[in-house]
């Protein structure tokens, strides 16, 4: 699925639609791998994802120096784990940060720089690549989502439906 974004606000809205989908499918947990250059909008995407999942998007900050942060939903039914692999040197460091502890029901895991350790991600997850300036505008992005597994395919289909109904058709 491809989805254009003309601004950080639009990126957050697109991600919020996915957060809503994942909130409704959280009984098994969910992983979203994010890939993009520095400044592409990965953390903005996580802000939207957290908002859609019912967490406070104002709490979301890049976890580069702490490796990971958790944001509980306002109603306490789930958590969003925000992991940043940029400064990690190995999968062992990712595991030491608690990554495996988040791969459980009730947790949406957003992994920035997911392309650094692809084998660490579960087989069934969603990849989102954020590409900068597809039209030459400094604020524009293109989000390219790829489902890796049957649950992720279902999330992606429902996400596309919600975006289309909101007028942001992928």
Protein backbone atom coordinates (compact mmCIF):
# COMPACT_ATOMS: atom_id res chain seq x y z
CA UNK A 1 0.00 0.00 0.00
CA UNK A 2 1.26 3.48 -0.84
CA UNK A 3 -0.05 6.61 0.82
CA UNK A 4 1.11 10.17 0.19
CA UNK A 5 1.49 12.66 3.03
CA UNK A 6 1.87 16.39 2.49
CA UNK A 7 2.78 17.30 6.08
CA UNK A 8 3.73 15.96 9.51
CA UNK A 9 0.11 16.46 10.57
CA UNK A 10 -1.07 14.31 7.68
CA UNK A 11 1.51 11.64 8.53
CA UNK A 12 0.18 11.57 12.10
CA UNK A 13 -3.42 11.27 10.84
CA UNK A 14 -2.48 8.39 8.53
CA UNK A 15 -0.71 6.63 11.40
CA UNK A 16 -3.62 7.30 13.78
CA UNK A 17 -5.88 5.34 11.43
CA UNK A 18 -3.48 2.40 11.74
CA UNK A 19 -3.36 2.83 15.52
CA UNK A 20 -7.14 2.49 15.64
CA UNK A 21 -6.98 -0.69 13.56
CA UNK A 22 -4.29 -2.18 15.80
CA UNK A 23 -6.14 -1.17 18.96
CA UNK A 24 -9.09 -3.24 17.79
CA UNK A 25 -6.83 -6.22 16.96
CA UNK A 26 -4.61 -6.05 20.03
CA UNK A 27 -5.52 -9.41 21.57
CA UNK A 28 -2.40 -10.88 19.95
CA UNK A 29 -0.15 -7.82 20.01
CA UNK A 30 1.25 -6.08 16.94
CA UNK A 31 4.59 -5.00 15.52
CA UNK A 32 5.15 -2.16 13.06
CA UNK A 33 8.65 -1.81 11.64
CA UNK A 34 9.50 1.73 10.52
CA UNK A 35 12.23 2.56 8.02
CA UNK A 36 13.29 5.93 6.67
CA UNK A 37 16.15 8.40 6.63
CA UNK A 38 16.92 10.69 9.55
CA UNK A 39 14.13 13.26 9.70
CA UNK A 40 11.80 11.28 7.46
CA UNK A 41 8.99 11.28 10.00
CA UNK A 42 9.27 7.98 11.86
CA UNK A 43 8.67 9.57 15.27
CA UNK A 44 5.78 11.65 13.87
CA UNK A 45 4.32 8.38 12.62
CA UNK A 46 4.62 6.88 16.12
CA UNK A 47 2.85 9.94 17.58
CA UNK A 48 -0.09 9.26 15.30
CA UNK A 49 0.02 5.53 15.98
CA UNK A 50 -0.05 6.19 19.73
CA UNK A 51 -2.95 8.63 19.36
CA UNK A 52 -4.98 6.13 17.35
CA UNK A 53 -4.23 3.44 19.93
CA UNK A 54 -5.54 5.68 22.70
CA UNK A 55 -2.22 6.81 24.20
CA UNK A 56 -1.16 10.43 24.73
CA UNK A 57 0.77 11.48 21.59
CA UNK A 58 2.32 14.33 23.59
CA UNK A 59 4.43 11.78 25.47
CA UNK A 60 6.05 10.44 22.30
CA UNK A 61 9.64 11.49 21.72
CA UNK A 62 12.45 9.86 19.79
CA UNK A 63 13.90 7.17 22.08
CA UNK A 64 17.33 7.21 20.40
CA UNK A 65 19.24 7.71 23.64
CA UNK A 66 17.05 5.51 25.85
CA UNK A 67 16.45 2.88 23.13
CA UNK A 68 12.80 2.36 24.09
CA UNK A 69 9.85 4.06 25.74
CA UNK A 70 6.37 2.86 26.64
CA UNK A 71 3.14 4.80 26.39
CA UNK A 72 0.04 3.35 28.09
CA UNK A 73 -3.38 3.90 26.58
CA UNK A 74 -5.55 6.32 28.52
CA UNK A 75 -7.94 3.52 29.45
CA UNK A 76 -5.14 1.15 30.50
CA UNK A 77 -6.08 -1.59 28.03
CA UNK A 78 -2.84 -1.55 26.03
CA UNK A 79 0.64 -0.11 25.71
CA UNK A 80 2.60 1.27 22.81
CA UNK A 81 6.29 0.34 22.97
CA UNK A 82 8.46 2.68 20.91
CA UNK A 83 11.84 1.17 20.08
CA UNK A 84 14.70 2.89 18.26
CA UNK A 85 17.41 0.64 16.82
CA UNK A 86 19.56 3.47 15.45
CA UNK A 87 22.26 3.31 18.13
CA UNK A 88 22.14 -0.44 18.71
CA UNK A 89 24.99 -2.60 17.52
CA UNK A 90 23.38 -6.04 17.74
CA UNK A 91 20.20 -8.02 18.20
CA UNK A 92 21.51 -8.94 21.65
CA UNK A 93 21.35 -5.24 22.62
CA UNK A 94 17.78 -5.07 21.31
CA UNK A 95 16.82 -8.09 23.40
CA UNK A 96 18.61 -6.64 26.46
CA UNK A 97 16.46 -3.51 26.07
CA UNK A 98 13.38 -5.70 26.64
CA UNK A 99 12.23 -6.22 23.06
CA UNK A 100 11.03 -9.79 23.59
CA UNK A 101 8.98 -8.68 26.62
CA UNK A 102 6.89 -6.45 24.35
CA UNK A 103 5.97 -9.19 21.88
CA UNK A 104 2.85 -10.09 23.85
CA UNK A 105 -0.89 -9.43 23.71
CA UNK A 106 -1.83 -5.89 24.66
CA UNK A 107 1.27 -4.24 23.22
CA UNK A 108 1.73 -2.41 19.92
CA UNK A 109 5.46 -2.27 19.18
CA UNK A 110 6.71 0.45 16.84
CA UNK A 111 10.33 -0.17 15.83
CA UNK A 112 12.27 2.70 14.27
CA UNK A 113 15.19 1.64 12.07
CA UNK A 114 13.65 -1.83 11.82
CA UNK A 115 15.86 -2.61 8.84
CA UNK A 116 18.89 -2.83 11.16
CA UNK A 117 17.76 -6.16 12.67
CA UNK A 118 15.05 -7.68 10.46
CA UNK A 119 15.42 -11.21 11.90
CA UNK A 120 14.47 -9.87 15.34
CA UNK A 121 10.98 -8.93 14.16
CA UNK A 122 8.23 -11.54 14.31
CA UNK A 123 7.35 -13.17 10.99
CA UNK A 124 3.90 -11.55 11.06
CA UNK A 125 4.39 -7.79 11.21
CA UNK A 126 3.81 -4.65 9.18
CA UNK A 127 6.68 -2.75 7.54
CA UNK A 128 6.23 0.96 6.84
CA UNK A 129 8.86 2.79 4.80
CA UNK A 130 8.72 6.58 4.90
CA UNK A 131 10.24 8.18 1.82
CA UNK A 132 11.05 11.90 1.83
CA UNK A 133 10.16 14.49 -0.78
CA UNK A 134 8.54 12.31 -3.44
CA UNK A 135 7.20 15.44 -5.13
CA UNK A 136 10.05 17.79 -4.30
CA UNK A 137 8.20 19.46 -1.39
CA UNK A 138 10.30 19.37 1.81
CA UNK A 139 7.23 18.42 3.89
CA UNK A 140 5.90 15.72 1.59
CA UNK A 141 6.39 12.03 2.22
CA UNK A 142 5.22 8.78 0.79
CA UNK A 143 4.40 5.97 3.18
CA UNK A 144 4.82 2.50 1.72
CA UNK A 145 3.35 -0.30 3.81
CA UNK A 146 4.09 -3.97 3.30
CA UNK A 147 2.36 -6.75 5.22
CA UNK A 148 4.51 -9.63 6.39
CA UNK A 149 2.05 -12.33 7.30
CA UNK A 150 -1.72 -12.92 7.43
CA UNK A 151 -2.48 -10.75 10.48
CA UNK A 152 -0.49 -7.88 9.01
CA UNK A 153 -2.35 -8.32 5.71
CA UNK A 154 -5.65 -7.94 7.57
CA UNK A 155 -4.38 -4.83 9.37
CA UNK A 156 -3.21 -3.33 6.09
CA UNK A 157 -6.55 -3.99 4.37
CA UNK A 158 -8.51 -2.42 7.22
CA UNK A 159 -6.08 0.51 7.37
CA UNK A 160 -6.63 1.16 3.64
CA UNK A 161 -10.42 1.04 4.15
CA UNK A 162 -10.23 3.59 6.97
CA UNK A 163 -7.95 5.89 5.02
CA UNK A 164 -10.27 5.72 2.01
CA UNK A 165 -13.30 6.54 4.16
CA UNK A 166 -11.40 9.53 5.59
CA UNK A 167 -10.55 10.76 2.10
CA UNK A 168 -6.86 9.82 2.27
CA UNK A 169 -7.09 6.89 -0.12
CA UNK A 170 -3.88 4.90 -0.46
